[in-house]
C-alpha atoms as a PDB file:
ATOM      1  CA  MET A   1      16.579   2.292   5.483  1.00  0.00           C
ATOM      2  CA  LYS A   2      13.636   4.393   5.920  1.00  0.00           C
ATOM      3  CA  VAL A   3      10.921   4.506   3.116  1.00  0.00           C
ATOM      4  CA  LEU A   4       7.714   6.552   2.534  1.00  0.00           C
ATOM      5  CA  PHE A   5       5.330   5.548  -0.100  1.00  0.00           C
ATOM      6  CA  ILE A   6       2.567   8.233  -1.075  1.00  0.00           C
ATOM      7  CA  ILE A   7      -0.300   6.658  -2.902  1.00  0.00           C
ATOM      8  CA  SER A   8      -2.611   9.331  -4.555  1.00  0.00           C
ATOM      9  CA  THR A   9      -4.614   7.098  -6.893  1.00  0.00           C
ATOM     10  CA  ASP A  10      -7.751   4.886  -6.728  1.00  0.00           C
ATOM     11  CA  ASP A  11      -6.189   2.613  -9.460  1.00  0.00           C
ATOM     12  CA  GLY A  12      -6.405  -0.913  -7.930  1.00  0.00           C
ATOM     13  CA  GLU A  13      -3.393  -2.267  -9.968  1.00  0.00           C
ATOM     14  CA  THR A  14      -1.176   0.719  -8.910  1.00  0.00           C
ATOM     15  CA  ILE A  15      -2.161   0.495  -5.175  1.00  0.00           C
ATOM     16  CA  TYR A  16      -1.624  -3.284  -5.053  1.00  0.00           C
ATOM     17  CA  ASN A  17       1.748  -3.016  -6.539  1.00  0.00           C
ATOM     18  CA  ALA A  18       2.830  -0.222  -4.317  1.00  0.00           C
ATOM     19  CA  MET A  19       1.716  -2.188  -1.195  1.00  0.00           C
ATOM     20  CA  ARG A  20       3.357  -5.231  -2.599  1.00  0.00           C
ATOM     21  CA  LEU A  21       6.672  -3.362  -2.831  1.00  0.00           C
ATOM     22  CA  ALA A  22       6.184  -1.830   0.664  1.00  0.00           C
ATOM     23  CA  ASN A  23       5.672  -5.383   2.117  1.00  0.00           C
ATOM     24  CA  VAL A  24       8.858  -6.478   0.492  1.00  0.00           C
ATOM     25  CA  GLY A  25      10.641  -3.597   2.211  1.00  0.00           C
ATOM     26  CA  VAL A  26       9.117  -4.512   5.531  1.00  0.00           C
ATOM     27  CA  ASP A  27       9.996  -8.309   5.014  1.00  0.00           C
ATOM     28  CA  LYS A  28      13.699  -7.027   4.489  1.00  0.00           C
ATOM     29  CA  GLY A  29      13.790  -5.019   7.712  1.00  0.00           C
ATOM     30  CA  ASP A  30      13.295  -1.536   6.402  1.00  0.00           C
ATOM     31  CA  GLU A  31      11.182   1.013   8.248  1.00  0.00           C
ATOM     32  CA  VAL A  32       8.258   1.634   5.767  1.00  0.00           C
ATOM     33  CA  SER A  33       5.467   4.172   5.968  1.00  0.00           C
ATOM     34  CA  VAL A  34       2.488   4.477   3.638  1.00  0.00           C
ATOM     35  CA  PHE A  35       0.500   7.762   3.370  1.00  0.00           C
ATOM     36  CA  MET A  36      -2.735   7.608   1.337  1.00  0.00           C
ATOM     37  CA  LEU A  37      -3.664  10.964  -0.222  1.00  0.00           C
ATOM     38  CA  GLY A  38      -6.387  12.274  -2.446  1.00  0.00           C
ATOM     39  CA  LYS A  39      -8.197   9.437  -4.250  1.00  0.00           C
ATOM     40  CA  GLY A  40      -5.908   6.984  -2.508  1.00  0.00           C
ATOM     41  CA  VAL A  41      -8.034   7.151   0.620  1.00  0.00           C
ATOM     42  CA  THR A  42     -10.690   5.002  -1.276  1.00  0.00           C
ATOM     43  CA  TYR A  43      -8.314   2.068  -1.377  1.00  0.00           C
ATOM     44  CA  GLU A  44     -10.732  -0.324   0.188  1.00  0.00           C
ATOM     45  CA  LYS A  45     -12.960  -0.068  -2.993  1.00  0.00           C
ATOM     46  CA  SER A  46      -9.996  -0.249  -5.459  1.00  0.00           C
ATOM     47  CA  GLY A  47      -9.227  -3.941  -5.510  1.00  0.00           C
ATOM     48  CA  SER A  48     -10.456  -6.712  -7.855  1.00  0.00           C
ATOM     49  CA  LYS A  49     -10.036 -10.491  -8.080  1.00  0.00           C
ATOM     50  CA  GLU A  50      -6.713  -9.730 -10.024  1.00  0.00           C
ATOM     51  CA  TYR A  51      -5.390  -7.208  -7.548  1.00  0.00           C
ATOM     52  CA  ASN A  52      -6.205  -8.184  -3.985  1.00  0.00           C
ATOM     53  CA  VAL A  53      -5.488  -4.681  -2.469  1.00  0.00           C
ATOM     54  CA  MET A  54      -6.871  -5.600   0.876  1.00  0.00           C
ATOM     55  CA  GLY A  55      -4.866  -8.648   1.049  1.00  0.00           C
ATOM     56  CA  GLN A  56      -1.838  -6.650   0.824  1.00  0.00           C
ATOM     57  CA  MET A  57      -3.037  -4.021   3.220  1.00  0.00           C
ATOM     58  CA  ASP A  58      -3.717  -6.778   5.779  1.00  0.00           C
ATOM     59  CA  LYS A  59      -0.197  -8.061   5.443  1.00  0.00           C
ATOM     60  CA  PHE A  60       1.427  -4.716   5.808  1.00  0.00           C
ATOM     61  CA  GLU A  61       3.164  -4.280   9.179  1.00  0.00           C
ATOM     62  CA  GLY A  62       4.551  -0.637   8.799  1.00  0.00           C
ATOM     63  CA  ASP A  63       3.108   2.764   9.687  1.00  0.00           C
ATOM     64  CA  PHE A  64      -0.045   3.565   7.681  1.00  0.00           C
ATOM     65  CA  TYR A  65      -1.692   7.040   7.378  1.00  0.00           C
ATOM     66  CA  VAL A  66      -4.844   7.911   5.687  1.00  0.00           C
END
């Protein structure tokens, strides 16, 4: 299946959960793309101890567009 995630928020919890779901899709063999839009382009600053955004980003092996 082909899946596209569009992330347009800088909320760390939302980005973390979207990327976690994207990673599940990749692990299951889906063709997953993530597009960061608007405030989403600041994802590097959105993480916290509780929501390791960059850990999920580093794990992601699909197409990624900013």
